[in-house]
Amino acid sequence: MIDTVLVPENTVVSAKGDGPYVDLSDASSRVFLLTLEISRIIEQESLEVSIRGSVDGATWGAKPVVTFPQKFYCGQSPLLLDLTAHPEVKFVRAHWEVARWGRGTETPMFEFNLRLKEIPADVLREASAEAKTLI
């Protein structure tokens, strides 16, 4: 089961960038839980984090496979990454964009981290069965 870091704790960014890639070839499931945690910011700025996919770990898709809503505050945000519709994706990495406006310095500053955890197939089956009973 894959449980790894896409952006390490205490990562401070002031410009757009990319994290290291993670190989998902050994995953038994194609569904993952992403947890974005922003621990420090300055006022009047935004952070947008997306996940890009790759077949070979060298060439990355122009469009993200999933994107968090824009963030403006500290806190934790979960998001499902469902790659069942993207069977060709073997590698993923985080990409972030930052922006700042208003008074003071024009340089944005975010401290954040991002985790990726595989959701086991049996948990997905159980959740799917439970969801069907609610419909």
C-alpha atoms as a PDB file:
ATOM      1  CA  MET A   1       0.000   0.000   0.000  1.00  0.00           C
ATOM      2  CA  ILE A   2       1.359   3.390  -0.982  1.00  0.00           C
ATOM      3  CA  ASP A   3       1.577   6.042   1.738  1.00  0.00           C
ATOM      4  CA  THR A   4       4.049   8.749   0.788  1.00  0.00           C
ATOM      5  CA  VAL A   5       4.850  12.452   0.654  1.00  0.00           C
ATOM      6  CA  LEU A   6       4.443  14.510  -2.529  1.00  0.00           C
ATOM      7  CA  VAL A   7       5.625  17.736  -0.859  1.00  0.00           C
ATOM      8  CA  PRO A   8       7.695  17.332   2.349  1.00  0.00           C
ATOM      9  CA  GLU A   9       6.735  19.000   5.634  1.00  0.00           C
ATOM     10  CA  ASN A  10       7.994  22.554   6.183  1.00  0.00           C
ATOM     11  CA  THR A  11       8.370  23.211   2.446  1.00  0.00           C
ATOM     12  CA  VAL A  12       8.383  26.987   1.908  1.00  0.00           C
ATOM     13  CA  VAL A  13       7.611  28.297  -1.576  1.00  0.00           C
ATOM     14  CA  SER A  14       7.488  31.785  -3.064  1.00  0.00           C
ATOM     15  CA  ALA A  15       7.095  30.876  -6.748  1.00  0.00           C
ATOM     16  CA  LYS A  16       5.465  28.199  -8.865  1.00  0.00           C
ATOM     17  CA  GLY A  17       7.117  24.803  -8.848  1.00  0.00           C
ATOM     18  CA  ASP A  18       6.920  21.027  -8.907  1.00  0.00           C
ATOM     19  CA  GLY A  19       7.546  18.333  -6.346  1.00  0.00           C
ATOM     20  CA  PRO A  20       9.415  15.079  -6.964  1.00  0.00           C
ATOM     21  CA  TYR A  21       7.540  12.340  -8.789  1.00  0.00           C
ATOM     22  CA  VAL A  22       6.120   9.223  -7.163  1.00  0.00           C
ATOM     23  CA  ASP A  23       5.851   5.848  -8.905  1.00  0.00           C
ATOM     24  CA  LEU A  24       2.363   4.346  -8.540  1.00  0.00           C
ATOM     25  CA  SER A  25       3.094   1.137 -10.490  1.00  0.00           C
ATOM     26  CA  ASP A  26       2.883  -1.026  -7.353  1.00  0.00           C
ATOM     27  CA  ALA A  27      -0.494   0.344  -6.252  1.00  0.00           C
ATOM     28  CA  SER A  28      -3.223  -2.263  -5.965  1.00  0.00           C
ATOM     29  CA  SER A  29      -5.882   0.442  -6.123  1.00  0.00           C
ATOM     30  CA  ARG A  30      -6.121   3.439  -8.481  1.00  0.00           C
ATOM     31  CA  VAL A  31      -7.774   5.664  -5.860  1.00  0.00           C
ATOM     32  CA  PHE A  32      -5.788   7.780  -3.401  1.00  0.00           C
ATOM     33  CA  LEU A  33      -6.425  10.281  -0.640  1.00  0.00           C
ATOM     34  CA  LEU A  34      -4.465  13.520  -0.958  1.00  0.00           C
ATOM     35  CA  THR A  35      -4.056  15.664   2.166  1.00  0.00           C
ATOM     36  CA  LEU A  36      -2.830  19.235   1.686  1.00  0.00           C
ATOM     37  CA  GLU A  37      -1.759  21.013   4.860  1.00  0.00           C
ATOM     38  CA  ILE A  38      -0.899  24.713   4.825  1.00  0.00           C
ATOM     39  CA  SER A  39       0.928  25.639   8.031  1.00  0.00           C
ATOM     40  CA  ARG A  40       2.047  29.224   7.351  1.00  0.00           C
ATOM     41  CA  ILE A  41       1.060  32.037   4.988  1.00  0.00           C
ATOM     42  CA  ILE A  42       1.095  35.806   4.708  1.00  0.00           C
ATOM     43  CA  GLU A  43      -2.038  37.846   3.983  1.00  0.00           C
ATOM     44  CA  GLN A  44      -3.489  38.534   0.545  1.00  0.00           C
ATOM     45  CA  GLU A  45      -2.120  35.564  -1.361  1.00  0.00           C
ATOM     46  CA  SER A  46      -3.343  32.343  -2.952  1.00  0.00           C
ATOM     47  CA  LEU A  47      -2.002  28.845  -3.489  1.00  0.00           C
ATOM     48  CA  GLU A  48      -3.235  26.430  -6.146  1.00  0.00           C
ATOM     49  CA  VAL A  49      -1.984  22.848  -5.991  1.00  0.00           C
ATOM     50  CA  SER A  50      -2.611  20.300  -8.738  1.00  0.00           C
ATOM     51  CA  ILE A  51      -1.471  16.766  -9.507  1.00  0.00           C
ATOM     52  CA  ARG A  52       0.097  16.006 -12.891  1.00  0.00           C
ATOM     53  CA  GLY A  53       0.347  12.508 -14.329  1.00  0.00           C
ATOM     54  CA  SER A  54       2.974  10.801 -16.488  1.00  0.00           C
ATOM     55  CA  VAL A  55       3.371   7.508 -18.317  1.00  0.00           C
ATOM     56  CA  ASP A  56       7.172   7.414 -18.032  1.00  0.00           C
ATOM     57  CA  GLY A  57       8.157   9.880 -15.269  1.00  0.00           C
ATOM     58  CA  ALA A  58       9.757  12.215 -17.823  1.00  0.00           C
ATOM     59  CA  THR A  59       6.898  13.654 -19.897  1.00  0.00           C
ATOM     60  CA  TRP A  60       4.101  15.298 -17.898  1.00  0.00           C
ATOM     61  CA  GLY A  61       0.559  16.000 -19.055  1.00  0.00           C
ATOM     62  CA  ALA A  62      -0.288  19.618 -19.799  1.00  0.00           C
ATOM     63  CA  LYS A  63      -3.526  19.298 -17.834  1.00  0.00           C
ATOM     64  CA  PRO A  64      -3.678  18.136 -14.220  1.00  0.00           C
ATOM     65  CA  VAL A  65      -5.517  14.948 -13.301  1.00  0.00           C
ATOM     66  CA  VAL A  66      -6.933  16.731 -10.230  1.00  0.00           C
ATOM     67  CA  THR A  67      -6.686  20.220  -8.695  1.00  0.00           C
ATOM     68  CA  PHE A  68      -7.385  21.473  -5.184  1.00  0.00           C
ATOM     69  CA  PRO A  69      -9.586  24.556  -4.988  1.00  0.00           C
ATOM     70  CA  GLN A  70      -7.520  27.724  -4.542  1.00  0.00           C
ATOM     71  CA  LYS A  71      -6.381  28.180  -0.938  1.00  0.00           C
ATOM     72  CA  PHE A  72      -5.999  31.425   1.005  1.00  0.00           C
ATOM     73  CA  TYR A  73      -5.706  30.243   4.633  1.00  0.00           C
ATOM     74  CA  CYS A  74      -3.884  27.764   6.853  1.00  0.00           C
ATOM     75  CA  GLY A  75      -5.507  24.395   7.408  1.00  0.00           C
ATOM     76  CA  GLN A  76      -5.878  20.855   6.129  1.00  0.00           C
ATOM     77  CA  SER A  77      -7.748  19.902   2.935  1.00  0.00           C
ATOM     78  CA  PRO A  78      -8.471  16.357   1.737  1.00  0.00           C
ATOM     79  CA  LEU A  79      -9.113  15.456  -1.928  1.00  0.00           C
ATOM     80  CA  LEU A  80      -9.642  12.150  -3.730  1.00  0.00           C
ATOM     81  CA  LEU A  81      -7.339  11.304  -6.612  1.00  0.00           C
ATOM     82  CA  ASP A  82      -9.155   8.732  -8.749  1.00  0.00           C
ATOM     83  CA  LEU A  83      -6.931   7.422 -11.539  1.00  0.00           C
ATOM     84  CA  THR A  84      -9.316   4.702 -12.731  1.00  0.00           C
ATOM     85  CA  ALA A  85     -10.095   6.850 -15.790  1.00  0.00           C
ATOM     86  CA  HIS A  86      -6.344   7.305 -16.415  1.00  0.00           C
ATOM     87  CA  PRO A  87      -4.899   3.755 -16.596  1.00  0.00           C
ATOM     88  CA  GLU A  88      -1.841   5.031 -18.484  1.00  0.00           C
ATOM     89  CA  VAL A  89      -0.687   7.199 -15.545  1.00  0.00           C
ATOM     90  CA  LYS A  90       2.154   5.457 -13.702  1.00  0.00           C
ATOM     91  CA  PHE A  91       3.756   8.491 -12.034  1.00  0.00           C
ATOM     92  CA  VAL A  92       2.352  11.598 -10.308  1.00  0.00           C
ATOM     93  CA  ARG A  93       3.825  14.791  -8.925  1.00  0.00           C
ATOM     94  CA  ALA A  94       2.517  17.954  -7.315  1.00  0.00           C
ATOM     95  CA  HIS A  95       2.565  21.285  -9.136  1.00  0.00           C
ATOM     96  CA  TRP A  96       1.821  24.591  -7.404  1.00  0.00           C
ATOM     97  CA  GLU A  97       1.099  28.151  -8.449  1.00  0.00           C
ATOM     98  CA  VAL A  98       1.234  31.100  -6.035  1.00  0.00           C
ATOM     99  CA  ALA A  99      -0.040  34.678  -6.312  1.00  0.00           C
ATOM    100  CA  ARG A 100       0.068  37.763  -4.096  1.00  0.00           C
ATOM    101  CA  TRP A 101      -1.710  41.098  -4.265  1.00  0.00           C
ATOM    102  CA  GLY A 102      -2.265  44.171  -2.088  1.00  0.00           C
ATOM    103  CA  ARG A 103       0.186  46.081   0.063  1.00  0.00           C
ATOM    104  CA  GLY A 104       3.660  45.130   1.197  1.00  0.00           C
ATOM    105  CA  THR A 105       6.042  42.778  -0.494  1.00  0.00           C
ATOM    106  CA  GLU A 106       4.896  41.291  -3.794  1.00  0.00           C
ATOM    107  CA  THR A 107       6.574  37.954  -3.074  1.00  0.00           C
ATOM    108  CA  PRO A 108       4.153  35.269  -1.874  1.00  0.00           C
ATOM    109  CA  MET A 109       5.154  32.819   0.872  1.00  0.00           C
ATOM    110  CA  PHE A 110       3.488  29.519   1.728  1.00  0.00           C
ATOM    111  CA  GLU A 111       4.653  26.733   4.002  1.00  0.00           C
ATOM    112  CA  PHE A 112       2.840  23.518   3.210  1.00  0.00           C
ATOM    113  CA  ASN A 113       3.049  19.764   2.702  1.00  0.00           C
ATOM    114  CA  LEU A 114       1.123  17.196   0.692  1.00  0.00           C
ATOM    115  CA  ARG A 115       0.581  13.487   1.428  1.00  0.00           C
ATOM    116  CA  LEU A 116      -0.722  10.740  -0.831  1.00  0.00           C
ATOM    117  CA  LYS A 117      -2.237   7.575   0.636  1.00  0.00           C
ATOM    118  CA  GLU A 118      -3.648   4.666  -1.327  1.00  0.00           C
ATOM    119  CA  ILE A 119      -7.201   3.661  -0.447  1.00  0.00           C
ATOM    120  CA  PRO A 120      -7.339  -0.162  -0.255  1.00  0.00           C
ATOM    121  CA  ALA A 121      -9.643  -1.935  -2.722  1.00  0.00           C
ATOM    122  CA  ASP A 122     -11.685  -3.566   0.083  1.00  0.00           C
ATOM    123  CA  VAL A 123     -12.427  -0.156   1.614  1.00  0.00           C
ATOM    124  CA  LEU A 124     -13.540   1.131  -1.791  1.00  0.00           C
ATOM    125  CA  ARG A 125     -15.842  -1.884  -2.297  1.00  0.00           C
ATOM    126  CA  GLU A 126     -17.367  -1.412   1.147  1.00  0.00           C
ATOM    127  CA  ALA A 127     -17.910   2.330   0.594  1.00  0.00           C
ATOM    128  CA  SER A 128     -19.417   1.692  -2.828  1.00  0.00           C
ATOM    129  CA  ALA A 129     -21.821  -0.929  -1.444  1.00  0.00           C
ATOM    130  CA  GLU A 130     -22.852   1.397   1.374  1.00  0.00           C
ATOM    131  CA  ALA A 131     -23.395   4.280  -1.052  1.00  0.00           C
ATOM    132  CA  LYS A 132     -25.692   2.089  -3.193  1.00  0.00           C
ATOM    133  CA  THR A 133     -27.887   1.354  -0.181  1.00  0.00           C
ATOM    134  CA  LEU A 134     -28.286   5.093   0.461  1.00  0.00           C
ATOM    135  CA  ILE A 135     -29.521   5.827  -3.055  1.00  0.00           C
END
